[in-house]
N, C-alpha and C. Protein backbone atom coordinates (compact mmCIF):
# COMPACT_ATOMS: atom_id res chain seq x y z
N MET A 1 35.43 -53.22 61.30
CA MET A 1 34.10 -53.78 61.17
C MET A 1 33.20 -52.71 60.57
N THR A 2 32.40 -53.11 59.63
CA THR A 2 31.42 -52.19 59.05
C THR A 2 30.05 -52.46 59.65
N LEU A 3 29.10 -51.64 59.31
CA LEU A 3 27.75 -51.81 59.83
C LEU A 3 27.08 -53.09 59.33
N TYR A 4 27.62 -53.67 58.27
CA TYR A 4 26.99 -54.84 57.66
C TYR A 4 27.66 -56.16 58.00
N GLU A 5 28.73 -56.13 58.81
CA GLU A 5 29.40 -57.36 59.18
C GLU A 5 28.63 -58.08 60.28
N SER A 6 28.80 -59.38 60.36
CA SER A 6 28.14 -60.19 61.37
C SER A 6 28.72 -59.89 62.76
N THR A 7 27.86 -59.88 63.75
CA THR A 7 28.29 -59.70 65.13
C THR A 7 28.30 -61.03 65.89
N GLU A 8 28.13 -62.12 65.15
CA GLU A 8 28.13 -63.44 65.76
C GLU A 8 29.47 -63.71 66.44
N GLY A 9 29.41 -64.17 67.68
CA GLY A 9 30.62 -64.49 68.42
C GLY A 9 31.22 -63.30 69.15
N LEU A 10 30.63 -62.11 68.97
CA LEU A 10 31.12 -60.92 69.64
C LEU A 10 30.25 -60.60 70.85
N VAL A 11 30.82 -59.86 71.78
CA VAL A 11 30.11 -59.44 72.98
C VAL A 11 29.67 -57.99 72.77
N SER A 12 28.42 -57.69 73.12
CA SER A 12 27.95 -56.32 72.95
C SER A 12 28.02 -55.56 74.28
N LEU A 13 28.45 -54.32 74.18
CA LEU A 13 28.48 -53.40 75.30
C LEU A 13 27.64 -52.19 74.91
N GLU A 14 26.83 -51.68 75.81
CA GLU A 14 25.99 -50.54 75.48
C GLU A 14 26.12 -49.45 76.53
N SER A 15 26.20 -48.22 76.06
CA SER A 15 26.26 -47.06 76.95
C SER A 15 25.70 -45.86 76.21
N ASN A 16 24.80 -45.15 76.86
CA ASN A 16 24.22 -43.93 76.30
C ASN A 16 23.63 -44.14 74.90
N GLY A 17 23.02 -45.28 74.69
CA GLY A 17 22.37 -45.55 73.41
C GLY A 17 23.30 -46.01 72.31
N ILE A 18 24.57 -46.21 72.60
CA ILE A 18 25.54 -46.67 71.61
C ILE A 18 25.95 -48.09 71.95
N THR A 19 25.89 -48.97 70.96
CA THR A 19 26.28 -50.36 71.15
C THR A 19 27.62 -50.61 70.46
N LEU A 20 28.52 -51.24 71.19
CA LEU A 20 29.84 -51.57 70.70
C LEU A 20 29.98 -53.09 70.73
N TYR A 21 30.52 -53.68 69.67
CA TYR A 21 30.74 -55.12 69.62
C TYR A 21 32.23 -55.40 69.63
N ILE A 22 32.68 -56.23 70.59
CA ILE A 22 34.10 -56.55 70.71
C ILE A 22 34.29 -58.04 70.93
N GLU A 23 35.52 -58.49 70.74
CA GLU A 23 35.87 -59.88 70.99
C GLU A 23 35.74 -60.19 72.48
N PRO A 24 35.26 -61.37 72.85
CA PRO A 24 35.14 -61.72 74.27
C PRO A 24 36.45 -61.61 75.04
N LYS A 25 37.58 -62.00 74.43
CA LYS A 25 38.87 -61.91 75.12
C LYS A 25 39.24 -60.45 75.40
N LEU A 26 38.89 -59.54 74.50
CA LEU A 26 39.17 -58.13 74.73
C LEU A 26 38.35 -57.60 75.90
N LYS A 27 37.10 -58.03 76.00
CA LYS A 27 36.26 -57.61 77.12
C LYS A 27 36.87 -58.08 78.43
N ASP A 28 37.30 -59.32 78.48
CA ASP A 28 37.93 -59.86 79.69
C ASP A 28 39.18 -59.07 80.05
N TYR A 29 39.99 -58.73 79.04
CA TYR A 29 41.21 -57.97 79.28
C TYR A 29 40.88 -56.58 79.82
N LEU A 30 39.94 -55.89 79.20
CA LEU A 30 39.57 -54.55 79.65
C LEU A 30 39.03 -54.58 81.08
N GLU A 31 38.22 -55.58 81.40
CA GLU A 31 37.68 -55.69 82.75
C GLU A 31 38.78 -55.96 83.77
N SER A 32 39.84 -56.65 83.36
CA SER A 32 40.94 -56.91 84.29
C SER A 32 41.74 -55.65 84.60
N LEU A 33 41.70 -54.66 83.70
CA LEU A 33 42.43 -53.41 83.91
C LEU A 33 41.71 -52.47 84.87
N GLY A 34 40.41 -52.46 84.81
CA GLY A 34 39.63 -51.54 85.62
C GLY A 34 38.45 -51.01 84.82
N LYS A 35 37.86 -49.95 85.31
CA LYS A 35 36.70 -49.37 84.65
C LYS A 35 37.15 -48.52 83.46
N VAL A 36 36.57 -48.77 82.29
CA VAL A 36 36.94 -48.08 81.07
C VAL A 36 35.91 -47.01 80.77
N HIS A 37 36.39 -45.79 80.51
CA HIS A 37 35.54 -44.66 80.15
C HIS A 37 35.88 -44.26 78.72
N ILE A 38 34.86 -44.08 77.89
CA ILE A 38 35.09 -43.65 76.51
C ILE A 38 34.25 -42.41 76.26
N ASP A 39 34.90 -41.34 75.80
CA ASP A 39 34.21 -40.10 75.47
C ASP A 39 34.60 -39.69 74.06
N TYR A 40 33.71 -38.96 73.41
CA TYR A 40 34.03 -38.36 72.12
C TYR A 40 34.26 -36.88 72.36
N LEU A 41 35.44 -36.40 71.99
CA LEU A 41 35.80 -35.01 72.20
C LEU A 41 35.97 -34.29 70.88
N SER A 42 35.55 -33.04 70.85
CA SER A 42 35.73 -32.22 69.66
C SER A 42 35.98 -30.79 70.09
N ASP A 43 37.20 -30.31 69.85
CA ASP A 43 37.51 -28.91 70.12
C ASP A 43 38.53 -28.44 69.08
N SER A 44 39.12 -27.29 69.29
CA SER A 44 40.04 -26.73 68.30
C SER A 44 41.35 -27.51 68.19
N GLN A 45 41.68 -28.32 69.20
CA GLN A 45 42.95 -29.04 69.19
C GLN A 45 42.81 -30.54 68.93
N PHE A 46 41.64 -31.10 69.17
CA PHE A 46 41.49 -32.55 69.08
C PHE A 46 40.05 -32.91 68.73
N GLU A 47 39.90 -33.91 67.88
CA GLU A 47 38.59 -34.48 67.61
C GLU A 47 38.76 -35.98 67.50
N GLY A 48 38.04 -36.72 68.34
CA GLY A 48 38.12 -38.17 68.31
C GLY A 48 37.74 -38.77 69.65
N PHE A 49 37.99 -40.04 69.78
CA PHE A 49 37.63 -40.77 70.99
C PHE A 49 38.74 -40.66 72.02
N HIS A 50 38.37 -40.44 73.24
CA HIS A 50 39.29 -40.39 74.37
C HIS A 50 38.96 -41.59 75.25
N VAL A 51 39.94 -42.46 75.48
CA VAL A 51 39.74 -43.66 76.28
C VAL A 51 40.54 -43.51 77.56
N TYR A 52 39.88 -43.66 78.70
CA TYR A 52 40.53 -43.56 79.99
C TYR A 52 40.24 -44.83 80.78
N ILE A 53 41.27 -45.43 81.34
CA ILE A 53 41.10 -46.63 82.14
C ILE A 53 41.38 -46.27 83.60
N ASP A 54 40.35 -46.35 84.43
CA ASP A 54 40.46 -46.07 85.85
C ASP A 54 40.92 -47.34 86.54
N MET A 55 42.15 -47.35 87.02
CA MET A 55 42.74 -48.55 87.60
C MET A 55 42.63 -48.59 89.12
N GLY A 56 41.78 -47.76 89.68
CA GLY A 56 41.55 -47.79 91.12
C GLY A 56 42.30 -46.71 91.87
N ALA A 57 42.13 -46.72 93.18
CA ALA A 57 42.71 -45.72 94.06
C ALA A 57 44.23 -45.69 93.93
N GLY A 58 44.77 -44.49 93.87
CA GLY A 58 46.22 -44.34 93.80
C GLY A 58 46.80 -44.57 92.41
N SER A 59 45.96 -44.82 91.44
CA SER A 59 46.43 -45.08 90.09
C SER A 59 45.99 -43.95 89.17
N ARG A 60 46.85 -43.59 88.25
CA ARG A 60 46.53 -42.54 87.31
C ARG A 60 45.77 -43.07 86.09
N GLY A 61 45.79 -44.35 85.85
CA GLY A 61 45.14 -44.91 84.68
C GLY A 61 45.91 -44.52 83.43
N CYS A 62 45.24 -44.49 82.31
CA CYS A 62 45.89 -44.07 81.08
C CYS A 62 44.89 -43.41 80.15
N SER A 63 45.41 -42.64 79.28
CA SER A 63 44.59 -41.96 78.28
C SER A 63 45.16 -42.33 76.92
N CYS A 64 44.32 -42.84 76.02
CA CYS A 64 44.80 -43.30 74.72
C CYS A 64 44.19 -42.47 73.62
């Protein structure tokens, strides 16, 4: 998706002043997994988005 594409039919999520538009089914799926954390990391070994899904107590979640 580019900045000029329509967001009609998409669900908006906002955090720290950043708005993300995703398909409604994707939002439902992510919510079924647990709490999703997204960070942007930049260091000497990695630069990009780090996605962590907290699946609750006793779960390690995942990092993508």
